[in-house]
């Protein structure tokens, strides 16, 4: 069964993008947790070189490392998710760093809602930090806020800060299997079916560097970028049209836990049991 009071941190990494992985681990180890809570780190290599694994301590049983066929970040996140046993899941990119209190604030928020995102600070190459320029106010998020922002190319949050009930991410089919912006697409899908919150206190240092995926000019091919954006918006629009709503669970006591012994298909089906069609809207 999915473990109550356990948060699974999911990180995709590739050979060449692993150089900050040890710093990410140290930031995770420094996290203060709510009473009775623990974390595990599900790290998945996009490929099978084994090189990123060498950055991690072999004796920390909280780390679950996997590798396999290459498929870009979205597929890699989903392969990491298949290892997760926590009742909630939090994303962390391999080149980012958790700030103090990040996981504690996520868990406290996820007791009230099924997903949340938080502020981030840009970590610039020279070591300086800068706040996000368009952060929304802290607290509950209007039911279509991020959808509208994405439609107008002005998304106000870093979707990489996404944290979510494990049953909900399974019910949504994991991260959207597109070539980029999969965190944005998945955020829009969650927003379409259940309320969420924005945490105004920054949770991560979002590292800006020349080796990150979004720094590659090929990533911004106009046709591909348009297709990614359309996919995320259409998926969210379809979920809204079907009036799907997620039935909130208790993350401290394990109400309605996902059975971690099931294969991926079984876990997704179990998560779907809490995604109800035609229930009265939450907006």
C-alpha atoms as a PDB file:
ATOM      1  CA  UNK A   1       0.000   0.000   0.000  1.00  0.00           C
ATOM      2  CA  UNK A   2       1.101   3.600  -0.462  1.00  0.00           C
ATOM      3  CA  UNK A   3       2.704   4.680   2.782  1.00  0.00           C
ATOM      4  CA  UNK A   4       0.976   7.369   4.867  1.00  0.00           C
ATOM      5  CA  UNK A   5       3.267  10.128   6.124  1.00  0.00           C
ATOM      6  CA  UNK A   6       5.811   9.442   3.374  1.00  0.00           C
ATOM      7  CA  UNK A   7       6.562  11.922   0.598  1.00  0.00           C
ATOM      8  CA  UNK A   8       8.198  10.611  -2.581  1.00  0.00           C
ATOM      9  CA  UNK A   9      10.498  13.122  -4.272  1.00  0.00           C
ATOM     10  CA  UNK A  10      10.752  12.364  -7.998  1.00  0.00           C
ATOM     11  CA  UNK A  11      13.822  13.411 -10.005  1.00  0.00           C
ATOM     12  CA  UNK A  12      14.655  12.664 -13.653  1.00  0.00           C
ATOM     13  CA  UNK A  13      18.317  12.916 -14.645  1.00  0.00           C
ATOM     14  CA  UNK A  14      20.491  12.141 -17.664  1.00  0.00           C
ATOM     15  CA  UNK A  15      24.191  11.507 -18.167  1.00  0.00           C
ATOM     16  CA  UNK A  16      25.561  15.014 -18.559  1.00  0.00           C
ATOM     17  CA  UNK A  17      22.828  16.627 -16.477  1.00  0.00           C
ATOM     18  CA  UNK A  18      23.907  14.957 -13.257  1.00  0.00           C
ATOM     19  CA  UNK A  19      26.623  17.344 -12.070  1.00  0.00           C
ATOM     20  CA  UNK A  20      24.405  19.075  -9.483  1.00  0.00           C
ATOM     21  CA  UNK A  21      22.757  15.888  -8.233  1.00  0.00           C
ATOM     22  CA  UNK A  22      24.845  15.694  -5.058  1.00  0.00           C
ATOM     23  CA  UNK A  23      23.862  19.252  -4.119  1.00  0.00           C
ATOM     24  CA  UNK A  24      20.215  18.376  -4.676  1.00  0.00           C
ATOM     25  CA  UNK A  25      20.637  15.395  -2.341  1.00  0.00           C
ATOM     26  CA  UNK A  26      22.218  17.545   0.355  1.00  0.00           C
ATOM     27  CA  UNK A  27      19.335  20.013   0.144  1.00  0.00           C
ATOM     28  CA  UNK A  28      16.912  17.125   0.574  1.00  0.00           C
ATOM     29  CA  UNK A  29      18.769  15.777   3.595  1.00  0.00           C
ATOM     30  CA  UNK A  30      18.527  19.215   5.218  1.00  0.00           C
ATOM     31  CA  UNK A  31      14.716  19.264   5.066  1.00  0.00           C
ATOM     32  CA  UNK A  32      12.761  19.601   8.296  1.00  0.00           C
ATOM     33  CA  UNK A  33       9.821  17.190   8.264  1.00  0.00           C
ATOM     34  CA  UNK A  34       6.497  17.273  10.130  1.00  0.00           C
ATOM     35  CA  UNK A  35       6.269  14.907  13.093  1.00  0.00           C
ATOM     36  CA  UNK A  36       6.000  11.295  11.947  1.00  0.00           C
ATOM     37  CA  UNK A  37       6.818  12.074   8.309  1.00  0.00           C
ATOM     38  CA  UNK A  38       9.730  10.848   6.191  1.00  0.00           C
ATOM     39  CA  UNK A  39      10.912  11.201   2.590  1.00  0.00           C
ATOM     40  CA  UNK A  40      12.198   8.913  -0.116  1.00  0.00           C
ATOM     41  CA  UNK A  41      13.997   9.996  -3.289  1.00  0.00           C
ATOM     42  CA  UNK A  42      13.055   8.289  -6.552  1.00  0.00           C
ATOM     43  CA  UNK A  43      15.820   9.129  -9.032  1.00  0.00           C
ATOM     44  CA  UNK A  44      15.500   7.826 -12.590  1.00  0.00           C
ATOM     45  CA  UNK A  45      18.168   8.078 -15.270  1.00  0.00           C
ATOM     46  CA  UNK A  46      16.977   8.855 -18.791  1.00  0.00           C
ATOM     47  CA  UNK A  47      19.135   6.074 -20.225  1.00  0.00           C
ATOM     48  CA  UNK A  48      21.227   3.337 -18.682  1.00  0.00           C
ATOM     49  CA  UNK A  49      24.820   4.572 -18.365  1.00  0.00           C
ATOM     50  CA  UNK A  50      24.796   4.401 -14.567  1.00  0.00           C
ATOM     51  CA  UNK A  51      26.884   7.577 -14.407  1.00  0.00           C
ATOM     52  CA  UNK A  52      24.371   9.702 -12.428  1.00  0.00           C
ATOM     53  CA  UNK A  53      24.089   6.966  -9.781  1.00  0.00           C
ATOM     54  CA  UNK A  54      27.766   7.478  -8.894  1.00  0.00           C
ATOM     55  CA  UNK A  55      26.900  10.929  -7.562  1.00  0.00           C
ATOM     56  CA  UNK A  56      24.685   9.408  -4.859  1.00  0.00           C
ATOM     57  CA  UNK A  57      25.616   7.612  -1.632  1.00  0.00           C
ATOM     58  CA  UNK A  58      25.208   3.855  -1.934  1.00  0.00           C
ATOM     59  CA  UNK A  59      24.256   3.414   1.728  1.00  0.00           C
ATOM     60  CA  UNK A  60      21.197   5.688   1.922  1.00  0.00           C
ATOM     61  CA  UNK A  61      18.203   3.366   1.772  1.00  0.00           C
ATOM     62  CA  UNK A  62      15.867   6.317   1.177  1.00  0.00           C
ATOM     63  CA  UNK A  63      17.149   6.569  -2.404  1.00  0.00           C
ATOM     64  CA  UNK A  64      15.499   4.495  -5.145  1.00  0.00           C
ATOM     65  CA  UNK A  65      17.557   4.688  -8.339  1.00  0.00           C
ATOM     66  CA  UNK A  66      16.389   3.343 -11.686  1.00  0.00           C
ATOM     67  CA  UNK A  67      17.593   3.419 -15.267  1.00  0.00           C
ATOM     68  CA  UNK A  68      16.353   2.198 -18.642  1.00  0.00           C
ATOM     69  CA  UNK A  69      15.465   3.221 -22.157  1.00  0.00           C
ATOM     70  CA  UNK A  70      15.842   6.916 -22.898  1.00  0.00           C
ATOM     71  CA  UNK A  71      12.577   8.814 -23.422  1.00  0.00           C
ATOM     72  CA  UNK A  72      13.110  12.449 -22.308  1.00  0.00           C
ATOM     73  CA  UNK A  73      12.045  14.002 -19.024  1.00  0.00           C
ATOM     74  CA  UNK A  74       8.317  13.193 -18.962  1.00  0.00           C
ATOM     75  CA  UNK A  75       8.811   9.470 -19.529  1.00  0.00           C
ATOM     76  CA  UNK A  76      11.674   9.468 -17.025  1.00  0.00           C
ATOM     77  CA  UNK A  77       9.500  11.129 -14.373  1.00  0.00           C
ATOM     78  CA  UNK A  78       6.867   8.445 -14.915  1.00  0.00           C
ATOM     79  CA  UNK A  79       9.410   5.649 -14.567  1.00  0.00           C
ATOM     80  CA  UNK A  80      10.531   7.237 -11.282  1.00  0.00           C
ATOM     81  CA  UNK A  81       6.880   7.496 -10.211  1.00  0.00           C
ATOM     82  CA  UNK A  82       6.525   3.743 -10.683  1.00  0.00           C
ATOM     83  CA  UNK A  83       9.000   3.310  -7.819  1.00  0.00           C
ATOM     84  CA  UNK A  84       7.251   5.754  -5.472  1.00  0.00           C
ATOM     85  CA  UNK A  85       5.644   4.414  -2.305  1.00  0.00           C
ATOM     86  CA  UNK A  86       4.691   7.699  -0.638  1.00  0.00           C
ATOM     87  CA  UNK A  87       1.138   8.938  -0.285  1.00  0.00           C
ATOM     88  CA  UNK A  88       2.211  12.266  -1.810  1.00  0.00           C
ATOM     89  CA  UNK A  89       4.710  13.065  -4.567  1.00  0.00           C
ATOM     90  CA  UNK A  90       6.913  16.122  -5.021  1.00  0.00           C
ATOM     91  CA  UNK A  91       8.934  17.011  -8.106  1.00  0.00           C
ATOM     92  CA  UNK A  92      12.584  18.092  -7.898  1.00  0.00           C
ATOM     93  CA  UNK A  93      14.713  18.623 -11.000  1.00  0.00           C
ATOM     94  CA  UNK A  94      18.261  17.286 -10.860  1.00  0.00           C
ATOM     95  CA  UNK A  95      19.863  20.731 -11.098  1.00  0.00           C
ATOM     96  CA  UNK A  96      17.657  22.479  -8.527  1.00  0.00           C
ATOM     97  CA  UNK A  97      17.961  22.809  -4.759  1.00  0.00           C
ATOM     98  CA  UNK A  98      15.325  22.621  -2.042  1.00  0.00           C
ATOM     99  CA  UNK A  99      15.133  25.615   0.273  1.00  0.00           C
ATOM    100  CA  UNK A 100      14.579  25.099   4.030  1.00  0.00           C
ATOM    101  CA  UNK A 101      11.048  24.050   4.972  1.00  0.00           C
ATOM    102  CA  UNK A 102       9.949  23.234   1.420  1.00  0.00           C
ATOM    103  CA  UNK A 103       8.651  19.712   2.062  1.00  0.00           C
ATOM    104  CA  UNK A 104       7.093  20.628   5.397  1.00  0.00           C
ATOM    105  CA  UNK A 105       5.088  23.421   3.775  1.00  0.00           C
ATOM    106  CA  UNK A 106       4.031  21.103   0.932  1.00  0.00           C
ATOM    107  CA  UNK A 107       2.783  18.444   3.342  1.00  0.00           C
ATOM    108  CA  UNK A 108       0.867  20.934   5.460  1.00  0.00           C
ATOM    109  CA  UNK A 109      -0.795  22.287   2.316  1.00  0.00           C
ATOM    110  CA  UNK A 110      -1.574  18.832   0.921  1.00  0.00           C
ATOM    111  CA  UNK A 111      -3.624  18.094   4.011  1.00  0.00           C
ATOM    112  CA  UNK A 112      -6.118  20.683   2.714  1.00  0.00           C
ATOM    113  CA  UNK A 113      -5.886  20.264  -1.062  1.00  0.00           C
ATOM    114  CA  UNK A 114      -4.712  17.616  -3.520  1.00  0.00           C
ATOM    115  CA  UNK A 115      -1.957  19.653  -5.209  1.00  0.00           C
ATOM    116  CA  UNK A 116       0.134  22.757  -4.739  1.00  0.00           C
ATOM    117  CA  UNK A 117       2.889  24.763  -6.369  1.00  0.00           C
ATOM    118  CA  UNK A 118       5.200  27.264  -4.742  1.00  0.00           C
ATOM    119  CA  UNK A 119       7.407  30.231  -5.413  1.00  0.00           C
ATOM    120  CA  UNK A 120      10.934  29.701  -6.701  1.00  0.00           C
ATOM    121  CA  UNK A 121      14.094  31.774  -6.722  1.00  0.00           C
ATOM    122  CA  UNK A 122      16.232  31.817  -9.850  1.00  0.00           C
ATOM    123  CA  UNK A 123      19.813  30.801  -9.070  1.00  0.00           C
ATOM    124  CA  UNK A 124      21.970  32.682 -11.555  1.00  0.00           C
ATOM    125  CA  UNK A 125      25.391  31.485 -12.805  1.00  0.00           C
ATOM    126  CA  UNK A 126      27.208  33.984 -10.608  1.00  0.00           C
ATOM    127  CA  UNK A 127      25.467  32.731  -7.472  1.00  0.00           C
ATOM    128  CA  UNK A 128      22.974  35.589  -7.209  1.00  0.00           C
ATOM    129  CA  UNK A 129      19.283  34.831  -6.709  1.00  0.00           C
ATOM    130  CA  UNK A 130      16.240  36.584  -8.124  1.00  0.00           C
ATOM    131  CA  UNK A 131      12.531  36.100  -7.279  1.00  0.00           C
ATOM    132  CA  UNK A 132       9.950  35.103  -9.850  1.00  0.00           C
ATOM    133  CA  UNK A 133       8.544  38.310 -11.336  1.00  0.00           C
ATOM    134  CA  UNK A 134       4.911  37.198 -11.621  1.00  0.00           C
ATOM    135  CA  UNK A 135       4.193  35.173  -8.477  1.00  0.00           C
ATOM    136  CA  UNK A 136       0.478  35.054  -7.584  1.00  0.00           C
ATOM    137  CA  UNK A 137      -0.655  35.724  -4.009  1.00  0.00           C
ATOM    138  CA  UNK A 138      -0.330  32.851  -1.577  1.00  0.00           C
ATOM    139  CA  UNK A 139      -3.353  30.703  -0.809  1.00  0.00           C
ATOM    140  CA  UNK A 140      -6.115  28.999  -2.823  1.00  0.00           C
ATOM    141  CA  UNK A 141      -5.814  29.238  -6.605  1.00  0.00           C
ATOM    142  CA  UNK A 142      -8.753  30.401  -8.730  1.00  0.00           C
ATOM    143  CA  UNK A 143     -10.142  27.409 -10.594  1.00  0.00           C
ATOM    144  CA  UNK A 144      -8.871  28.409 -14.056  1.00  0.00           C
ATOM    145  CA  UNK A 145      -6.044  30.790 -13.201  1.00  0.00           C
ATOM    146  CA  UNK A 146      -3.121  28.794 -14.572  1.00  0.00           C
ATOM    147  CA  UNK A 147      -5.112  27.609 -17.591  1.00  0.00           C
ATOM    148  CA  UNK A 148      -5.837  31.210 -18.571  1.00  0.00           C
ATOM    149  CA  UNK A 149      -2.249  32.257 -17.960  1.00  0.00           C
ATOM    150  CA  UNK A 150      -0.860  29.435 -20.085  1.00  0.00           C
ATOM    151  CA  UNK A 151      -3.331  30.260 -22.835  1.00  0.00           C
ATOM    152  CA  UNK A 152      -1.948  33.807 -22.862  1.00  0.00           C
ATOM    153  CA  UNK A 153       1.743  32.741 -22.555  1.00  0.00           C
ATOM    154  CA  UNK A 154       2.147  34.330 -19.134  1.00  0.00           C
ATOM    155  CA  UNK A 155       2.236  31.416 -16.664  1.00  0.00           C
ATOM    156  CA  UNK A 156       3.110  32.929 -13.285  1.00  0.00           C
ATOM    157  CA  UNK A 157       4.660  29.870 -11.575  1.00  0.00           C
ATOM    158  CA  UNK A 158       7.453  27.343 -12.049  1.00  0.00           C
ATOM    159  CA  UNK A 159       5.485  24.140 -12.533  1.00  0.00           C
ATOM    160  CA  UNK A 160       8.563  22.170 -11.503  1.00  0.00           C
ATOM    161  CA  UNK A 161       7.541  22.964  -7.887  1.00  0.00           C
ATOM    162  CA  UNK A 162       4.438  20.741  -8.287  1.00  0.00           C
ATOM    163  CA  UNK A 163       3.473  18.527  -5.314  1.00  0.00           C
ATOM    164  CA  UNK A 164       0.459  16.234  -5.444  1.00  0.00           C
ATOM    165  CA  UNK A 165      -1.473  13.391  -3.863  1.00  0.00           C
ATOM    166  CA  UNK A 166      -0.129  10.159  -5.333  1.00  0.00           C
ATOM    167  CA  UNK A 167      -3.608   8.885  -6.195  1.00  0.00           C
ATOM    168  CA  UNK A 168      -4.284  12.026  -8.206  1.00  0.00           C
ATOM    169  CA  UNK A 169      -1.085  11.833 -10.257  1.00  0.00           C
ATOM    170  CA  UNK A 170      -1.888   8.182 -11.019  1.00  0.00           C
ATOM    171  CA  UNK A 171      -5.460   9.052 -11.965  1.00  0.00           C
ATOM    172  CA  UNK A 172      -4.164  11.681 -14.391  1.00  0.00           C
ATOM    173  CA  UNK A 173      -1.846   9.130 -16.012  1.00  0.00           C
ATOM    174  CA  UNK A 174       1.345  10.536 -14.541  1.00  0.00           C
ATOM    175  CA  UNK A 175       3.218  13.345 -16.217  1.00  0.00           C
ATOM    176  CA  UNK A 176       2.096  14.215 -19.723  1.00  0.00           C
ATOM    177  CA  UNK A 177       4.308  12.319 -22.184  1.00  0.00           C
ATOM    178  CA  UNK A 178       5.341  15.233 -24.377  1.00  0.00           C
ATOM    179  CA  UNK A 179       8.805  16.502 -25.305  1.00  0.00           C
ATOM    180  CA  UNK A 180       8.827  19.331 -22.776  1.00  0.00           C
ATOM    181  CA  UNK A 181       6.606  21.433 -20.504  1.00  0.00           C
ATOM    182  CA  UNK A 182       5.208  18.196 -19.076  1.00  0.00           C
ATOM    183  CA  UNK A 183       5.130  19.752 -15.613  1.00  0.00           C
ATOM    184  CA  UNK A 184       2.970  22.595 -16.932  1.00  0.00           C
ATOM    185  CA  UNK A 185       0.589  20.216 -18.702  1.00  0.00           C
ATOM    186  CA  UNK A 186       0.206  18.080 -15.587  1.00  0.00           C
ATOM    187  CA  UNK A 187      -0.391  21.142 -13.414  1.00  0.00           C
ATOM    188  CA  UNK A 188      -3.195  22.247 -15.752  1.00  0.00           C
ATOM    189  CA  UNK A 189      -4.759  18.774 -15.600  1.00  0.00           C
ATOM    190  CA  UNK A 190      -4.726  18.775 -11.789  1.00  0.00           C
ATOM    191  CA  UNK A 191      -6.168  22.289 -11.707  1.00  0.00           C
ATOM    192  CA  UNK A 192      -9.024  21.082 -13.934  1.00  0.00           C
ATOM    193  CA  UNK A 193     -10.268  18.455 -11.477  1.00  0.00           C
ATOM    194  CA  UNK A 194      -9.614  19.717  -7.952  1.00  0.00           C
ATOM    195  CA  UNK A 195      -8.632  22.862  -5.995  1.00  0.00           C
ATOM    196  CA  UNK A 196      -5.009  23.662  -5.306  1.00  0.00           C
ATOM    197  CA  UNK A 197      -2.941  26.253  -3.513  1.00  0.00           C
ATOM    198  CA  UNK A 198       0.067  28.449  -4.190  1.00  0.00           C
ATOM    199  CA  UNK A 199       2.693  28.677  -1.441  1.00  0.00           C
ATOM    200  CA  UNK A 200       4.213  32.144  -1.500  1.00  0.00           C
ATOM    201  CA  UNK A 201       7.395  31.204   0.366  1.00  0.00           C
ATOM    202  CA  UNK A 202      10.032  29.963  -2.136  1.00  0.00           C
ATOM    203  CA  UNK A 203      10.658  26.217  -2.095  1.00  0.00           C
ATOM    204  CA  UNK A 204      13.530  25.830  -4.571  1.00  0.00           C
ATOM    205  CA  UNK A 205      16.524  27.499  -6.100  1.00  0.00           C
ATOM    206  CA  UNK A 206      15.831  27.126  -9.823  1.00  0.00           C
ATOM    207  CA  UNK A 207      19.280  26.902 -11.352  1.00  0.00           C
ATOM    208  CA  UNK A 208      19.831  28.840 -14.576  1.00  0.00           C
ATOM    209  CA  UNK A 209      22.738  27.464 -16.586  1.00  0.00           C
ATOM    210  CA  UNK A 210      23.781  26.780 -20.166  1.00  0.00           C
ATOM    211  CA  UNK A 211      23.344  23.017 -19.839  1.00  0.00           C
ATOM    212  CA  UNK A 212      19.660  23.020 -18.908  1.00  0.00           C
ATOM    213  CA  UNK A 213      17.194  21.614 -21.423  1.00  0.00           C
ATOM    214  CA  UNK A 214      15.360  24.884 -21.940  1.00  0.00           C
ATOM    215  CA  UNK A 215      18.629  26.653 -22.799  1.00  0.00           C
ATOM    216  CA  UNK A 216      18.878  24.612 -26.022  1.00  0.00           C
ATOM    217  CA  UNK A 217      17.578  26.503 -29.073  1.00  0.00           C
ATOM    218  CA  UNK A 218      16.144  23.246 -30.459  1.00  0.00           C
ATOM    219  CA  UNK A 219      13.778  23.081 -27.487  1.00  0.00           C
ATOM    220  CA  UNK A 220      12.045  26.226 -28.740  1.00  0.00           C
ATOM    221  CA  UNK A 221      11.236  25.017 -32.231  1.00  0.00           C
ATOM    222  CA  UNK A 222       7.991  26.991 -32.881  1.00  0.00           C
ATOM    223  CA  UNK A 223       5.992  24.070 -34.242  1.00  0.00           C
ATOM    224  CA  UNK A 224       6.961  21.773 -31.386  1.00  0.00           C
ATOM    225  CA  UNK A 225       6.417  24.445 -28.745  1.00  0.00           C
ATOM    226  CA  UNK A 226       2.946  25.134 -30.135  1.00  0.00           C
ATOM    227  CA  UNK A 227       2.105  21.415 -30.102  1.00  0.00           C
ATOM    228  CA  UNK A 228       3.192  21.045 -26.472  1.00  0.00           C
ATOM    229  CA  UNK A 229       1.130  24.040 -25.429  1.00  0.00           C
ATOM    230  CA  UNK A 230      -1.945  22.813 -27.323  1.00  0.00           C
ATOM    231  CA  UNK A 231      -1.673  19.345 -25.820  1.00  0.00           C
ATOM    232  CA  UNK A 232      -1.646  20.673 -22.256  1.00  0.00           C
ATOM    233  CA  UNK A 233      -4.525  23.060 -22.823  1.00  0.00           C
ATOM    234  CA  UNK A 234      -6.695  20.528 -24.673  1.00  0.00           C
ATOM    235  CA  UNK A 235      -6.164  17.878 -22.022  1.00  0.00           C
ATOM    236  CA  UNK A 236      -7.247  20.274 -19.266  1.00  0.00           C
ATOM    237  CA  UNK A 237     -10.195  21.493 -21.352  1.00  0.00           C
ATOM    238  CA  UNK A 238     -11.369  17.918 -21.905  1.00  0.00           C
ATOM    239  CA  UNK A 239     -11.209  17.116 -18.186  1.00  0.00           C
ATOM    240  CA  UNK A 240     -13.265  20.216 -17.413  1.00  0.00           C
ATOM    241  CA  UNK A 241     -15.824  19.347 -20.071  1.00  0.00           C
ATOM    242  CA  UNK A 242     -16.210  15.862 -18.560  1.00  0.00           C
ATOM    243  CA  UNK A 243     -16.752  17.438 -15.110  1.00  0.00           C
ATOM    244  CA  UNK A 244     -14.202  15.149 -13.474  1.00  0.00           C
ATOM    245  CA  UNK A 245     -13.574  15.852  -9.799  1.00  0.00           C
ATOM    246  CA  UNK A 246     -11.030  14.337  -7.408  1.00  0.00           C
ATOM    247  CA  UNK A 247     -12.185  13.026  -4.038  1.00  0.00           C
ATOM    248  CA  UNK A 248      -9.652  14.240  -1.433  1.00  0.00           C
ATOM    249  CA  UNK A 249      -7.874  11.674   0.763  1.00  0.00           C
ATOM    250  CA  UNK A 250      -6.292  11.767   4.226  1.00  0.00           C
ATOM    251  CA  UNK A 251      -2.508  11.746   3.788  1.00  0.00           C
ATOM    252  CA  UNK A 252      -1.680  11.244   7.475  1.00  0.00           C
ATOM    253  CA  UNK A 253      -3.776   8.140   8.064  1.00  0.00           C
ATOM    254  CA  UNK A 254      -3.833   6.649   4.600  1.00  0.00           C
ATOM    255  CA  UNK A 255      -7.514   6.833   3.652  1.00  0.00           C
ATOM    256  CA  UNK A 256      -7.875   5.247   0.231  1.00  0.00           C
ATOM    257  CA  UNK A 257      -4.221   4.280  -0.220  1.00  0.00           C
ATOM    258  CA  UNK A 258      -2.757   3.201  -3.536  1.00  0.00           C
ATOM    259  CA  UNK A 259      -1.402  -0.361  -3.466  1.00  0.00           C
ATOM    260  CA  UNK A 260       2.302  -0.010  -4.343  1.00  0.00           C
ATOM    261  CA  UNK A 261       2.562  -3.733  -5.101  1.00  0.00           C
ATOM    262  CA  UNK A 262       0.320  -3.351  -8.149  1.00  0.00           C
ATOM    263  CA  UNK A 263       1.780  -2.910 -11.640  1.00  0.00           C
ATOM    264  CA  UNK A 264       1.591   0.574 -13.130  1.00  0.00           C
ATOM    265  CA  UNK A 265      -1.737  -0.135 -14.856  1.00  0.00           C
ATOM    266  CA  UNK A 266      -3.272  -1.361 -11.601  1.00  0.00           C
ATOM    267  CA  UNK A 267      -2.142   1.672  -9.632  1.00  0.00           C
ATOM    268  CA  UNK A 268      -3.556   4.006 -12.259  1.00  0.00           C
ATOM    269  CA  UNK A 269      -6.894   2.174 -12.173  1.00  0.00           C
ATOM    270  CA  UNK A 270      -6.974   2.381  -8.375  1.00  0.00           C
ATOM    271  CA  UNK A 271      -6.240   6.107  -8.507  1.00  0.00           C
ATOM    272  CA  UNK A 272      -9.061   6.561 -11.015  1.00  0.00           C
ATOM    273  CA  UNK A 273     -11.521   5.386  -8.360  1.00  0.00           C
ATOM    274  CA  UNK A 274     -11.156   8.788  -6.685  1.00  0.00           C
ATOM    275  CA  UNK A 275     -11.543  10.739  -9.917  1.00  0.00           C
ATOM    276  CA  UNK A 276     -15.308  11.043 -10.175  1.00  0.00           C
ATOM    277  CA  UNK A 277     -17.203  12.198 -13.251  1.00  0.00           C
ATOM    278  CA  UNK A 278     -20.197  14.467 -12.932  1.00  0.00           C
ATOM    279  CA  UNK A 279     -19.620  15.398  -9.290  1.00  0.00           C
ATOM    280  CA  UNK A 280     -20.627  18.933  -8.340  1.00  0.00           C
ATOM    281  CA  UNK A 281     -17.900  21.350  -9.406  1.00  0.00           C
ATOM    282  CA  UNK A 282     -15.445  22.863  -6.953  1.00  0.00           C
ATOM    283  CA  UNK A 283     -15.165  26.310  -8.514  1.00  0.00           C
END
